[in-house]
Amino acid sequence: LRTEWARHAPLAPDALILTKLDECASWSAAANLVLDTDVPPLHWMAAGQRVPEDLDPAEPDRFSEALLRAGDLS
């Protein structure tokens, strides 16, 4: 994710969308990226193949719950 962020940062995005979270073995990289102060806020997240049905607003409680459900706190 850091590599992708570095590639897109010059475009100065004002929000993040994290997708394919259902395919991640670890959510640690996503959590660390979201918590980094140099990146814009997370607005949407998706953990499924159906767009737009699987897009969810990235509210802090939703992201926290999803992170805990993934069982990845490393």
Protein backbone atom coordinates (compact mmCIF):
# COMPACT_ATOMS: atom_id res chain seq x y z
CA LEU A 1 0.00 0.00 0.00
CA ARG A 2 2.85 2.39 0.74
CA THR A 3 4.16 1.92 -2.79
CA GLU A 4 0.74 2.64 -4.28
CA TRP A 5 0.34 5.69 -2.06
CA ALA A 6 3.76 6.98 -3.17
CA ARG A 7 2.71 6.59 -6.82
CA HIS A 8 -0.54 8.51 -6.34
CA ALA A 9 0.51 11.14 -3.78
CA PRO A 10 1.76 13.59 -6.47
CA LEU A 11 -1.85 13.83 -7.69
CA ALA A 12 -2.78 15.29 -4.27
CA PRO A 13 -5.91 13.20 -3.61
CA ASP A 14 -8.17 14.55 -0.89
CA ALA A 15 -9.55 11.16 0.21
CA LEU A 16 -8.71 7.45 0.23
CA ILE A 17 -10.76 4.50 -0.95
CA LEU A 18 -9.52 1.08 0.14
CA THR A 19 -10.80 -1.82 -1.94
CA LYS A 20 -10.26 -5.57 -2.11
CA LEU A 21 -10.01 -5.75 1.67
CA ASP A 22 -11.59 -9.19 1.48
CA GLU A 23 -8.50 -10.37 -0.41
CA CYS A 24 -5.98 -9.06 2.15
CA ALA A 25 -4.18 -11.58 4.31
CA SER A 26 -3.40 -8.76 6.71
CA TRP A 27 -5.17 -5.49 7.45
CA SER A 28 -2.12 -4.10 9.25
CA ALA A 29 -0.85 -2.23 6.20
CA ALA A 30 -4.27 -0.68 5.61
CA ALA A 31 -4.61 0.35 9.25
CA ASN A 32 -1.13 1.84 9.30
CA LEU A 33 -1.76 3.77 6.10
CA VAL A 34 -5.06 5.14 7.40
CA LEU A 35 -3.41 6.23 10.66
CA ASP A 36 -0.53 7.97 8.88
CA THR A 37 -0.84 11.73 9.21
CA ASP A 38 0.56 12.34 5.71
CA VAL A 39 -2.33 10.71 3.88
CA PRO A 40 -5.84 12.10 3.34
CA PRO A 41 -8.75 10.66 5.29
CA LEU A 42 -10.30 7.33 4.40
CA HIS A 43 -13.76 7.92 2.91
CA TRP A 44 -14.79 4.53 1.52
CA MET A 45 -13.81 0.89 1.98
CA ALA A 46 -14.86 -2.25 0.15
CA ALA A 47 -14.57 -5.88 1.17
CA GLY A 48 -16.25 -7.59 -1.75
CA GLN A 49 -16.42 -7.85 -5.50
CA ARG A 50 -19.72 -6.06 -6.06
CA VAL A 51 -19.45 -2.35 -6.80
CA PRO A 52 -21.12 -0.24 -5.61
CA GLU A 53 -22.97 -2.66 -3.30
CA ASP A 54 -19.85 -3.58 -1.31
CA LEU A 55 -18.65 0.01 -0.82
CA ASP A 56 -19.19 1.20 2.74
CA PRO A 57 -18.58 4.62 4.24
CA ALA A 58 -15.33 4.43 6.17
CA GLU A 59 -16.63 5.62 9.48
CA PRO A 60 -14.15 5.06 12.34
CA ASP A 61 -16.39 2.54 14.10
CA ARG A 62 -16.95 0.53 10.90
CA PHE A 63 -13.23 0.42 10.11
CA SER A 64 -12.41 -0.58 13.70
CA GLU A 65 -15.03 -3.34 13.70
CA ALA A 66 -13.82 -4.64 10.33
CA LEU A 67 -10.24 -4.64 11.57
CA LEU A 68 -11.24 -6.58 14.69
CA ARG A 69 -13.32 -9.06 12.65
CA ALA A 70 -10.31 -9.69 10.44
CA GLY A 71 -8.47 -10.79 13.58
CA ASP A 72 -5.38 -8.92 12.49
CA LEU A 73 -4.02 -6.70 15.22
CA SER A 74 -0.33 -7.14 14.43
